[in-house]
């Protein structure tokens, strides 16, 4: 495993720990939150190493693990940009949370593009970049529709009565990202960053 893989996996684990800590604090288990800050980075690196070893025989597994890490990091960006934009819009004018969610999704998309292009699928060339960007934006736009629809359904129809709204909203962002991730992975792997033979 390369040094950049270890660093990115550890940083992703650390950033996800912040979201996990928010969740634990929200359900009155905050006294366990500090464990996430050492556990998640270690688990991220170990799981990536396992996927790397399996990926030597099945390339798909290594790519899927890296895709998951890029997605997890993007989800943190998604959540934090959502919180920030909802707070900003809340200060000035009343705007639907779906607008904030769309903004956060687009910010996370920039992170996804760079991470998937350069790290997951290792397509470093600039040949056909216009076509690649158009394909990426098309796949991502459809992914955004899937993401926002899943977020809407989760926040309006699936919220458990025992979970506070703020915690469920953050959880719904993760649920939406996971639903859209299947579409995005297949689209990025087989269309956008498809390697020439």
N, C-alpha and C. Protein backbone atom coordinates (compact mmCIF):
# COMPACT_ATOMS: atom_id res chain seq x y z
N UNK A 1 0.85 -1.18 0.00
CA UNK A 1 0.00 0.00 0.00
C UNK A 1 0.89 1.23 0.00
N UNK A 2 0.51 2.22 -0.79
CA UNK A 2 1.29 3.45 -0.91
C UNK A 2 1.07 4.35 0.31
N UNK A 3 2.04 5.23 0.54
CA UNK A 3 1.95 6.18 1.65
C UNK A 3 0.71 7.06 1.52
N UNK A 4 0.41 7.52 0.30
CA UNK A 4 -0.77 8.37 0.11
C UNK A 4 -2.04 7.62 0.47
N UNK A 5 -2.08 6.30 0.24
CA UNK A 5 -3.24 5.51 0.61
C UNK A 5 -3.43 5.51 2.13
N UNK A 6 -2.35 5.31 2.84
CA UNK A 6 -2.40 5.28 4.31
C UNK A 6 -2.85 6.64 4.85
N UNK A 7 -2.26 7.71 4.31
CA UNK A 7 -2.61 9.06 4.78
C UNK A 7 -4.07 9.37 4.51
N UNK A 8 -4.52 9.11 3.27
CA UNK A 8 -5.91 9.43 2.94
C UNK A 8 -6.87 8.60 3.77
N UNK A 9 -6.57 7.32 3.97
CA UNK A 9 -7.44 6.46 4.78
C UNK A 9 -7.51 6.96 6.22
N UNK A 10 -6.37 7.33 6.79
CA UNK A 10 -6.35 7.81 8.18
C UNK A 10 -7.09 9.14 8.32
N UNK A 11 -6.86 10.06 7.37
CA UNK A 11 -7.55 11.36 7.42
C UNK A 11 -9.06 11.16 7.26
N UNK A 12 -9.45 10.27 6.38
CA UNK A 12 -10.88 10.00 6.20
C UNK A 12 -11.47 9.44 7.49
N UNK A 13 -10.79 8.48 8.09
CA UNK A 13 -11.26 7.92 9.36
C UNK A 13 -11.41 8.99 10.43
N UNK A 14 -10.45 9.91 10.48
CA UNK A 14 -10.50 11.00 11.46
C UNK A 14 -11.68 11.93 11.21
N UNK A 15 -11.90 12.30 9.95
CA UNK A 15 -13.02 13.21 9.66
C UNK A 15 -14.36 12.54 9.92
N UNK A 16 -14.46 11.25 9.61
CA UNK A 16 -15.70 10.53 9.88
C UNK A 16 -15.93 10.43 11.39
N UNK A 17 -14.86 10.37 12.16
CA UNK A 17 -14.99 10.32 13.62
C UNK A 17 -15.70 11.56 14.17
N UNK A 18 -15.49 12.71 13.54
CA UNK A 18 -16.18 13.92 13.98
C UNK A 18 -17.70 13.77 13.82
N UNK A 19 -18.12 13.20 12.70
CA UNK A 19 -19.55 12.99 12.47
C UNK A 19 -20.08 11.94 13.45
N UNK A 20 -19.30 10.88 13.65
CA UNK A 20 -19.69 9.85 14.62
C UNK A 20 -19.82 10.42 16.03
N UNK A 21 -18.90 11.31 16.38
CA UNK A 21 -18.95 11.94 17.70
C UNK A 21 -20.20 12.82 17.83
N UNK A 22 -20.54 13.55 16.76
CA UNK A 22 -21.78 14.35 16.77
C UNK A 22 -22.98 13.44 17.04
N UNK A 23 -23.00 12.30 16.36
CA UNK A 23 -24.10 11.36 16.52
C UNK A 23 -24.16 10.84 17.95
N UNK A 24 -23.02 10.40 18.50
CA UNK A 24 -23.01 9.88 19.87
C UNK A 24 -23.42 10.94 20.88
N UNK A 25 -22.97 12.17 20.67
CA UNK A 25 -23.38 13.26 21.57
C UNK A 25 -24.89 13.49 21.48
N UNK A 26 -25.44 13.36 20.30
CA UNK A 26 -26.87 13.58 20.10
C UNK A 26 -27.75 12.52 20.73
N UNK A 27 -27.23 11.32 20.91
CA UNK A 27 -28.01 10.24 21.54
C UNK A 27 -27.51 9.95 22.95
N UNK A 28 -26.88 10.95 23.56
CA UNK A 28 -26.41 10.88 24.95
C UNK A 28 -25.38 9.79 25.22
N UNK A 29 -24.54 9.51 24.23
CA UNK A 29 -23.43 8.57 24.42
C UNK A 29 -22.09 9.26 24.15
N UNK A 30 -22.06 10.57 24.36
CA UNK A 30 -20.88 11.37 24.06
C UNK A 30 -19.63 10.95 24.80
N UNK A 31 -19.78 10.29 25.95
CA UNK A 31 -18.61 9.85 26.70
C UNK A 31 -17.82 8.76 25.97
N UNK A 32 -18.40 8.14 24.95
CA UNK A 32 -17.70 7.15 24.14
C UNK A 32 -17.06 7.76 22.89
N UNK A 33 -17.40 8.99 22.60
CA UNK A 33 -17.00 9.62 21.33
C UNK A 33 -15.49 9.67 21.12
N UNK A 34 -14.72 9.90 22.15
CA UNK A 34 -13.27 10.03 21.98
C UNK A 34 -12.64 8.76 21.40
N UNK A 35 -13.27 7.61 21.62
CA UNK A 35 -12.73 6.36 21.07
C UNK A 35 -12.75 6.36 19.54
N UNK A 36 -13.69 7.07 18.96
CA UNK A 36 -13.80 7.10 17.50
C UNK A 36 -12.58 7.74 16.85
N UNK A 37 -11.94 8.67 17.55
CA UNK A 37 -10.82 9.42 16.98
C UNK A 37 -9.54 8.59 16.84
N UNK A 38 -9.44 7.48 17.52
CA UNK A 38 -8.32 6.57 17.27
C UNK A 38 -8.80 5.33 16.52
N UNK A 39 -10.06 4.92 16.78
CA UNK A 39 -10.57 3.70 16.18
C UNK A 39 -10.82 3.84 14.68
N UNK A 40 -11.50 4.91 14.25
CA UNK A 40 -11.85 5.06 12.84
C UNK A 40 -10.63 5.19 11.92
N UNK A 41 -9.60 5.99 12.28
CA UNK A 41 -8.42 6.03 11.40
C UNK A 41 -7.73 4.67 11.27
N UNK A 42 -7.62 3.96 12.39
CA UNK A 42 -6.98 2.64 12.35
C UNK A 42 -7.81 1.67 11.50
N UNK A 43 -9.12 1.65 11.72
CA UNK A 43 -9.99 0.76 10.93
C UNK A 43 -9.94 1.09 9.44
N UNK A 44 -9.89 2.37 9.12
CA UNK A 44 -9.83 2.78 7.71
C UNK A 44 -8.57 2.25 7.05
N UNK A 45 -7.43 2.39 7.72
CA UNK A 45 -6.16 1.92 7.16
C UNK A 45 -6.14 0.40 7.06
N UNK A 46 -6.58 -0.28 8.11
CA UNK A 46 -6.57 -1.75 8.11
C UNK A 46 -7.50 -2.29 7.02
N UNK A 47 -8.70 -1.74 6.93
CA UNK A 47 -9.65 -2.21 5.90
C UNK A 47 -9.14 -1.94 4.49
N UNK A 48 -8.48 -0.80 4.31
CA UNK A 48 -7.92 -0.51 2.99
C UNK A 48 -6.79 -1.48 2.65
N UNK A 49 -5.99 -1.84 3.64
CA UNK A 49 -4.91 -2.82 3.41
C UNK A 49 -5.49 -4.18 3.05
N UNK A 50 -6.54 -4.59 3.74
CA UNK A 50 -7.19 -5.87 3.42
C UNK A 50 -7.74 -5.82 1.99
N UNK A 51 -8.41 -4.73 1.65
CA UNK A 51 -8.95 -4.58 0.29
C UNK A 51 -7.83 -4.55 -0.73
N UNK A 52 -6.70 -3.93 -0.37
CA UNK A 52 -5.55 -3.87 -1.26
C UNK A 52 -5.00 -5.26 -1.54
N UNK A 53 -4.94 -6.08 -0.51
CA UNK A 53 -4.44 -7.45 -0.69
C UNK A 53 -5.40 -8.27 -1.56
N UNK A 54 -6.70 -8.16 -1.27
CA UNK A 54 -7.69 -8.87 -2.09
C UNK A 54 -7.69 -8.30 -3.51
N UNK A 55 -7.48 -6.98 -3.61
CA UNK A 55 -7.49 -6.29 -4.90
C UNK A 55 -6.38 -6.72 -5.83
N UNK A 56 -5.36 -7.38 -5.30
CA UNK A 56 -4.29 -7.89 -6.17
C UNK A 56 -4.81 -8.99 -7.08
N UNK A 57 -5.87 -9.65 -6.64
CA UNK A 57 -6.48 -10.69 -7.46
C UNK A 57 -7.79 -10.21 -8.09
N UNK A 58 -8.51 -9.36 -7.37
CA UNK A 58 -9.80 -8.85 -7.85
C UNK A 58 -9.74 -7.33 -7.78
N UNK A 59 -9.37 -6.69 -8.88
CA UNK A 59 -9.17 -5.23 -8.91
C UNK A 59 -10.37 -4.46 -8.40
N UNK A 60 -11.54 -4.95 -8.68
CA UNK A 60 -12.78 -4.30 -8.28
C UNK A 60 -12.81 -4.00 -6.77
N UNK A 61 -12.30 -4.90 -5.95
CA UNK A 61 -12.35 -4.76 -4.49
C UNK A 61 -11.50 -3.57 -4.03
N UNK A 62 -10.31 -3.44 -4.55
CA UNK A 62 -9.43 -2.32 -4.19
C UNK A 62 -10.08 -0.99 -4.59
N UNK A 63 -10.63 -0.94 -5.80
CA UNK A 63 -11.30 0.27 -6.27
C UNK A 63 -12.53 0.58 -5.42
N UNK A 64 -13.29 -0.45 -5.07
CA UNK A 64 -14.50 -0.24 -4.27
C UNK A 64 -14.15 0.31 -2.88
N UNK A 65 -13.07 -0.19 -2.29
CA UNK A 65 -12.65 0.29 -0.97
C UNK A 65 -12.21 1.75 -1.04
N UNK A 66 -11.43 2.09 -2.05
CA UNK A 66 -11.01 3.49 -2.22
C UNK A 66 -12.21 4.38 -2.52
N UNK A 67 -13.13 3.88 -3.35
CA UNK A 67 -14.35 4.62 -3.66
C UNK A 67 -15.14 4.88 -2.38
N UNK A 68 -15.22 3.87 -1.51
CA UNK A 68 -15.92 4.03 -0.24
C UNK A 68 -15.27 5.11 0.62
N UNK A 69 -13.93 5.13 0.67
CA UNK A 69 -13.24 6.15 1.46
C UNK A 69 -13.45 7.55 0.88
N UNK A 70 -13.37 7.68 -0.44
CA UNK A 70 -13.64 8.98 -1.07
C UNK A 70 -15.08 9.38 -0.77
N UNK A 71 -15.99 8.42 -0.85
CA UNK A 71 -17.39 8.69 -0.55
C UNK A 71 -17.60 9.10 0.90
N UNK A 72 -16.89 8.45 1.83
CA UNK A 72 -17.01 8.81 3.25
C UNK A 72 -16.50 10.22 3.49
N UNK A 73 -15.35 10.53 2.89
CA UNK A 73 -14.79 11.88 3.03
C UNK A 73 -15.75 12.91 2.42
N UNK A 74 -16.30 12.58 1.26
CA UNK A 74 -17.25 13.47 0.60
C UNK A 74 -18.52 13.64 1.43
N UNK A 75 -18.93 12.56 2.12
CA UNK A 75 -20.11 12.64 2.98
C UNK A 75 -19.89 13.63 4.12
N UNK A 76 -18.67 13.64 4.66
CA UNK A 76 -18.35 14.61 5.72
C UNK A 76 -18.45 16.02 5.16
N UNK A 77 -17.89 16.23 3.96
CA UNK A 77 -17.99 17.54 3.30
C UNK A 77 -19.47 17.88 3.10
N UNK A 78 -20.23 16.90 2.63
CA UNK A 78 -21.66 17.07 2.38
C UNK A 78 -22.37 17.54 3.66
N UNK A 79 -22.14 16.84 4.76
CA UNK A 79 -22.80 17.17 6.03
C UNK A 79 -22.40 18.55 6.52
N UNK A 80 -21.11 18.83 6.54
CA UNK A 80 -20.64 20.10 7.09
C UNK A 80 -21.04 21.30 6.22
N UNK A 81 -21.00 21.14 4.90
CA UNK A 81 -21.45 22.22 4.02
C UNK A 81 -22.97 22.41 4.17
N UNK A 82 -23.70 21.31 4.31
CA UNK A 82 -25.15 21.40 4.54
C UNK A 82 -25.42 22.20 5.81
N UNK A 83 -24.73 21.83 6.90
CA UNK A 83 -24.94 22.53 8.17
C UNK A 83 -24.61 24.01 8.05
N UNK A 84 -23.49 24.30 7.39
CA UNK A 84 -23.06 25.69 7.24
C UNK A 84 -24.04 26.48 6.37
N UNK A 85 -24.44 25.91 5.23
CA UNK A 85 -25.34 26.65 4.33
C UNK A 85 -26.73 26.79 4.95
N UNK A 86 -27.20 25.77 5.67
CA UNK A 86 -28.49 25.88 6.35
C UNK A 86 -28.43 26.98 7.41
N UNK A 87 -27.33 27.07 8.10
CA UNK A 87 -27.14 28.12 9.11
C UNK A 87 -27.09 29.49 8.45
N UNK A 88 -26.32 29.61 7.36
CA UNK A 88 -26.20 30.90 6.66
C UNK A 88 -27.56 31.34 6.10
N UNK A 89 -28.25 30.43 5.42
CA UNK A 89 -29.55 30.79 4.87
C UNK A 89 -30.56 31.07 5.98
N UNK A 90 -30.44 30.38 7.08
CA UNK A 90 -31.31 30.61 8.22
C UNK A 90 -31.14 31.99 8.82
N UNK A 91 -29.96 32.56 8.69
CA UNK A 91 -29.71 33.91 9.22
C UNK A 91 -30.38 34.99 8.37
N UNK A 92 -30.42 34.77 7.07
CA UNK A 92 -30.86 35.84 6.18
C UNK A 92 -32.28 35.66 5.65
N UNK A 93 -32.55 34.50 5.10
CA UNK A 93 -33.88 34.27 4.53
C UNK A 93 -34.28 32.82 4.74
N UNK A 94 -35.55 32.57 4.65
CA UNK A 94 -36.05 31.21 4.80
C UNK A 94 -35.95 30.49 3.45
N UNK A 95 -35.09 29.50 3.40
CA UNK A 95 -34.91 28.72 2.17
C UNK A 95 -35.06 27.25 2.54
N UNK A 96 -35.63 26.50 1.66
CA UNK A 96 -35.85 25.08 1.87
C UNK A 96 -34.54 24.36 2.18
N UNK A 97 -34.59 23.39 3.10
CA UNK A 97 -33.40 22.58 3.37
C UNK A 97 -32.91 21.84 2.11
N UNK A 98 -33.80 21.63 1.14
CA UNK A 98 -33.39 20.95 -0.08
C UNK A 98 -32.40 21.79 -0.88
N UNK A 99 -32.50 23.13 -0.77
CA UNK A 99 -31.53 24.00 -1.44
C UNK A 99 -30.15 23.83 -0.78
N UNK A 100 -30.13 23.84 0.55
CA UNK A 100 -28.88 23.62 1.27
C UNK A 100 -28.30 22.25 0.95
N UNK A 101 -29.18 21.25 0.85
CA UNK A 101 -28.72 19.90 0.53
C UNK A 101 -28.13 19.84 -0.87
N UNK A 102 -28.74 20.55 -1.81
CA UNK A 102 -28.21 20.57 -3.18
C UNK A 102 -26.84 21.24 -3.23
N UNK A 103 -26.68 22.33 -2.48
CA UNK A 103 -25.39 23.02 -2.43
C UNK A 103 -24.33 22.11 -1.82
N UNK A 104 -24.68 21.43 -0.74
CA UNK A 104 -23.71 20.55 -0.08
C UNK A 104 -23.34 19.37 -0.98
N UNK A 105 -24.33 18.87 -1.73
CA UNK A 105 -24.05 17.78 -2.66
C UNK A 105 -23.06 18.22 -3.73
N UNK A 106 -23.25 19.41 -4.25
CA UNK A 106 -22.34 19.91 -5.30
C UNK A 106 -20.92 20.11 -4.77
N UNK A 107 -20.79 20.60 -3.53
CA UNK A 107 -19.46 20.76 -2.93
C UNK A 107 -18.79 19.40 -2.76
N UNK A 108 -19.55 18.43 -2.31
CA UNK A 108 -19.01 17.08 -2.14
C UNK A 108 -18.63 16.48 -3.49
N UNK A 109 -19.34 16.87 -4.54
CA UNK A 109 -19.07 16.36 -5.89
C UNK A 109 -17.68 16.76 -6.38
N UNK A 110 -17.27 17.96 -6.06
CA UNK A 110 -15.93 18.42 -6.45
C UNK A 110 -14.88 17.52 -5.81
N UNK A 111 -15.08 17.19 -4.54
CA UNK A 111 -14.16 16.30 -3.83
C UNK A 111 -14.19 14.91 -4.47
N UNK A 112 -15.38 14.44 -4.79
CA UNK A 112 -15.53 13.11 -5.41
C UNK A 112 -14.80 13.03 -6.75
N UNK A 113 -14.95 14.07 -7.55
CA UNK A 113 -14.31 14.05 -8.87
C UNK A 113 -12.80 13.88 -8.73
N UNK A 114 -12.18 14.73 -7.94
CA UNK A 114 -10.73 14.66 -7.76
C UNK A 114 -10.30 13.33 -7.16
N UNK A 115 -10.99 12.89 -6.13
CA UNK A 115 -10.63 11.63 -5.47
C UNK A 115 -10.79 10.43 -6.37
N UNK A 116 -11.90 10.38 -7.10
CA UNK A 116 -12.14 9.24 -7.99
C UNK A 116 -11.21 9.23 -9.19
N UNK A 117 -11.01 10.40 -9.78
CA UNK A 117 -10.16 10.48 -10.97
C UNK A 117 -8.71 10.12 -10.64
N UNK A 118 -8.18 10.75 -9.60
CA UNK A 118 -6.76 10.62 -9.33
C UNK A 118 -6.39 9.44 -8.43
N UNK A 119 -7.29 9.07 -7.53
CA UNK A 119 -6.92 8.05 -6.56
C UNK A 119 -7.61 6.72 -6.81
N UNK A 120 -8.93 6.72 -6.96
CA UNK A 120 -9.65 5.45 -7.10
C UNK A 120 -9.37 4.78 -8.43
N UNK A 121 -9.62 5.50 -9.52
CA UNK A 121 -9.51 4.90 -10.85
C UNK A 121 -8.19 5.25 -11.54
N UNK A 122 -7.38 6.09 -10.91
CA UNK A 122 -6.04 6.46 -11.36
C UNK A 122 -5.99 6.82 -12.85
N UNK A 123 -6.86 7.72 -13.22
CA UNK A 123 -6.88 8.19 -14.61
C UNK A 123 -6.30 9.60 -14.62
N UNK A 124 -4.99 9.68 -14.78
CA UNK A 124 -4.28 10.94 -14.63
C UNK A 124 -4.16 11.75 -15.90
N UNK A 125 -4.40 11.16 -17.04
CA UNK A 125 -4.22 11.86 -18.30
C UNK A 125 -5.25 12.96 -18.52
N UNK A 126 -4.90 13.87 -19.43
CA UNK A 126 -5.81 14.97 -19.76
C UNK A 126 -6.50 14.76 -21.10
N UNK A 127 -6.23 13.64 -21.75
CA UNK A 127 -6.87 13.36 -23.03
C UNK A 127 -8.37 13.18 -22.82
N UNK A 128 -9.15 13.84 -23.64
CA UNK A 128 -10.60 13.71 -23.59
C UNK A 128 -11.22 14.25 -22.31
N UNK A 129 -10.58 15.24 -21.71
CA UNK A 129 -11.07 15.76 -20.42
C UNK A 129 -12.46 16.39 -20.53
N UNK A 130 -12.75 17.05 -21.67
CA UNK A 130 -14.08 17.65 -21.84
C UNK A 130 -15.17 16.58 -21.79
N UNK A 131 -14.95 15.52 -22.54
CA UNK A 131 -15.92 14.42 -22.56
C UNK A 131 -16.04 13.80 -21.17
N UNK A 132 -14.90 13.64 -20.50
CA UNK A 132 -14.88 13.06 -19.16
C UNK A 132 -15.68 13.92 -18.18
N UNK A 133 -15.48 15.22 -18.24
CA UNK A 133 -16.19 16.13 -17.34
C UNK A 133 -17.69 16.11 -17.62
N UNK A 134 -18.06 16.10 -18.89
CA UNK A 134 -19.49 16.05 -19.25
C UNK A 134 -20.11 14.74 -18.75
N UNK A 135 -19.41 13.63 -18.96
CA UNK A 135 -19.91 12.35 -18.47
C UNK A 135 -20.02 12.34 -16.95
N UNK A 136 -18.97 12.87 -16.30
CA UNK A 136 -18.97 12.93 -14.84
C UNK A 136 -20.15 13.75 -14.32
N UNK A 137 -20.36 14.91 -14.94
CA UNK A 137 -21.46 15.77 -14.50
C UNK A 137 -22.82 15.13 -14.76
N UNK A 138 -22.95 14.41 -15.87
CA UNK A 138 -24.20 13.72 -16.17
C UNK A 138 -24.48 12.62 -15.14
N UNK A 139 -23.49 11.77 -14.91
CA UNK A 139 -23.64 10.70 -13.92
C UNK A 139 -23.93 11.31 -12.55
N UNK A 140 -23.21 12.38 -12.21
CA UNK A 140 -23.35 13.02 -10.91
C UNK A 140 -24.70 13.71 -10.77
N UNK A 141 -25.19 14.33 -11.84
CA UNK A 141 -26.51 14.97 -11.79
C UNK A 141 -27.60 13.94 -11.51
N UNK A 142 -27.53 12.82 -12.19
CA UNK A 142 -28.49 11.74 -11.92
C UNK A 142 -28.30 11.25 -10.48
N UNK A 143 -27.03 11.14 -10.06
CA UNK A 143 -26.74 10.77 -8.67
C UNK A 143 -27.30 11.78 -7.69
N UNK A 144 -27.25 13.07 -8.04
CA UNK A 144 -27.79 14.10 -7.16
C UNK A 144 -29.31 13.94 -7.03
N UNK A 145 -29.97 13.64 -8.13
CA UNK A 145 -31.42 13.44 -8.08
C UNK A 145 -31.74 12.25 -7.17
N UNK A 146 -30.98 11.18 -7.32
CA UNK A 146 -31.17 10.01 -6.46
C UNK A 146 -30.89 10.38 -5.01
N UNK A 147 -29.79 11.11 -4.78
CA UNK A 147 -29.37 11.52 -3.43
C UNK A 147 -30.42 12.39 -2.77
N UNK A 148 -30.87 13.44 -3.46
CA UNK A 148 -31.84 14.37 -2.88
C UNK A 148 -33.18 13.68 -2.66
N UNK A 149 -33.59 12.81 -3.57
CA UNK A 149 -34.85 12.07 -3.41
C UNK A 149 -34.77 11.14 -2.19
N UNK A 150 -33.65 10.47 -2.03
CA UNK A 150 -33.47 9.58 -0.87
C UNK A 150 -33.46 10.40 0.43
N UNK A 151 -32.80 11.57 0.39
CA UNK A 151 -32.78 12.47 1.56
C UNK A 151 -34.20 12.91 1.91
N UNK A 152 -34.97 13.29 0.90
CA UNK A 152 -36.35 13.73 1.13
C UNK A 152 -37.18 12.60 1.75
N UNK A 153 -37.07 11.41 1.18
CA UNK A 153 -37.83 10.27 1.71
C UNK A 153 -37.41 9.96 3.15
N UNK A 154 -36.12 9.98 3.40
CA UNK A 154 -35.62 9.66 4.75
C UNK A 154 -36.10 10.68 5.77
N UNK A 155 -36.06 11.97 5.41
CA UNK A 155 -36.43 13.00 6.39
C UNK A 155 -37.95 13.16 6.53
N UNK A 156 -38.71 12.74 5.52
CA UNK A 156 -40.16 12.93 5.59
C UNK A 156 -40.95 11.65 5.91
N UNK A 157 -40.38 10.49 5.61
CA UNK A 157 -41.15 9.26 5.78
C UNK A 157 -40.51 8.21 6.68
N UNK A 158 -39.19 8.25 6.86
CA UNK A 158 -38.51 7.16 7.54
C UNK A 158 -37.99 7.50 8.94
N UNK A 159 -38.19 8.71 9.44
CA UNK A 159 -37.58 9.10 10.71
C UNK A 159 -38.18 8.32 11.87
N UNK A 160 -37.32 7.60 12.62
CA UNK A 160 -37.81 6.92 13.83
C UNK A 160 -38.20 7.96 14.89
N UNK A 161 -39.25 7.68 15.62
CA UNK A 161 -39.76 8.63 16.61
C UNK A 161 -38.76 8.88 17.74
N UNK A 162 -37.87 7.93 17.99
CA UNK A 162 -36.94 8.05 19.12
C UNK A 162 -35.65 8.80 18.79
N UNK A 163 -35.42 9.12 17.52
CA UNK A 163 -34.19 9.80 17.11
C UNK A 163 -34.46 11.29 16.94
N UNK A 164 -33.64 12.15 17.61
CA UNK A 164 -33.83 13.60 17.45
C UNK A 164 -33.70 14.02 15.98
N UNK A 165 -34.45 15.05 15.58
CA UNK A 165 -34.49 15.49 14.19
C UNK A 165 -33.11 15.86 13.66
N UNK A 166 -32.31 16.58 14.45
CA UNK A 166 -30.97 16.99 13.99
C UNK A 166 -30.10 15.78 13.68
N UNK A 167 -30.13 14.78 14.56
CA UNK A 167 -29.33 13.56 14.35
C UNK A 167 -29.88 12.79 13.14
N UNK A 168 -31.20 12.71 13.01
CA UNK A 168 -31.77 11.99 11.88
C UNK A 168 -31.46 12.68 10.56
N UNK A 169 -31.41 14.02 10.56
CA UNK A 169 -31.07 14.75 9.34
C UNK A 169 -29.66 14.38 8.89
N UNK A 170 -28.71 14.37 9.84
CA UNK A 170 -27.33 13.97 9.50
C UNK A 170 -27.30 12.52 9.02
N UNK A 171 -28.04 11.65 9.69
CA UNK A 171 -28.10 10.24 9.27
C UNK A 171 -28.72 10.11 7.89
N UNK A 172 -29.71 10.95 7.59
CA UNK A 172 -30.37 10.91 6.29
C UNK A 172 -29.42 11.32 5.17
N UNK A 173 -28.51 12.24 5.46
CA UNK A 173 -27.50 12.62 4.48
C UNK A 173 -26.63 11.41 4.14
N UNK A 174 -26.27 10.64 5.15
CA UNK A 174 -25.45 9.45 4.94
C UNK A 174 -26.24 8.39 4.17
N UNK A 175 -27.48 8.18 4.54
CA UNK A 175 -28.33 7.22 3.84
C UNK A 175 -28.45 7.60 2.36
N UNK A 176 -28.71 8.88 2.11
CA UNK A 176 -28.84 9.35 0.73
C UNK A 176 -27.56 9.15 -0.05
N UNK A 177 -26.43 9.41 0.60
CA UNK A 177 -25.13 9.24 -0.07
C UNK A 177 -24.89 7.77 -0.41
N UNK A 178 -25.27 6.86 0.47
CA UNK A 178 -25.07 5.43 0.20
C UNK A 178 -25.95 4.95 -0.95
N UNK A 179 -27.18 5.43 -1.00
CA UNK A 179 -28.08 5.04 -2.09
C UNK A 179 -27.51 5.52 -3.43
N UNK A 180 -27.07 6.79 -3.47
CA UNK A 180 -26.52 7.34 -4.71
C UNK A 180 -25.17 6.73 -5.06
N UNK A 181 -24.44 6.22 -4.05
CA UNK A 181 -23.09 5.68 -4.27
C UNK A 181 -23.07 4.50 -5.24
N UNK A 182 -24.07 3.67 -5.19
CA UNK A 182 -24.11 2.51 -6.09
C UNK A 182 -24.15 2.99 -7.54
N UNK A 183 -25.06 3.92 -7.82
CA UNK A 183 -25.16 4.49 -9.17
C UNK A 183 -23.84 5.15 -9.57
N UNK A 184 -23.30 5.96 -8.68
CA UNK A 184 -22.08 6.71 -9.00
C UNK A 184 -20.89 5.79 -9.27
N UNK A 185 -20.70 4.76 -8.43
CA UNK A 185 -19.56 3.86 -8.63
C UNK A 185 -19.62 3.19 -10.00
N UNK A 186 -20.77 2.66 -10.32
CA UNK A 186 -20.90 1.97 -11.61
C UNK A 186 -20.72 2.94 -12.78
N UNK A 187 -21.29 4.13 -12.66
CA UNK A 187 -21.15 5.13 -13.72
C UNK A 187 -19.73 5.62 -13.88
N UNK A 188 -19.05 5.88 -12.76
CA UNK A 188 -17.67 6.36 -12.83
C UNK A 188 -16.74 5.27 -13.37
N UNK A 189 -16.92 4.03 -12.88
CA UNK A 189 -16.03 2.94 -13.29
C UNK A 189 -16.21 2.56 -14.76
N UNK A 190 -17.46 2.44 -15.19
CA UNK A 190 -17.70 1.89 -16.52
C UNK A 190 -17.96 2.93 -17.60
N UNK A 191 -18.12 4.20 -17.20
CA UNK A 191 -18.36 5.23 -18.21
C UNK A 191 -17.30 6.32 -18.12
N UNK A 192 -17.24 7.03 -17.01
CA UNK A 192 -16.40 8.22 -16.91
C UNK A 192 -14.92 7.90 -16.91
N UNK A 193 -14.49 7.04 -16.00
CA UNK A 193 -13.05 6.77 -15.84
C UNK A 193 -12.67 5.39 -16.39
N UNK A 194 -13.44 4.93 -17.35
CA UNK A 194 -13.16 3.64 -17.99
C UNK A 194 -11.79 3.69 -18.64
N UNK A 195 -11.00 2.68 -18.32
CA UNK A 195 -9.63 2.64 -18.86
C UNK A 195 -9.65 2.05 -20.26
N UNK A 196 -8.88 2.67 -21.13
CA UNK A 196 -8.76 2.17 -22.51
C UNK A 196 -7.99 0.88 -22.51
N UNK A 197 -8.37 0.00 -23.40
CA UNK A 197 -7.68 -1.29 -23.47
C UNK A 197 -6.60 -1.25 -24.51
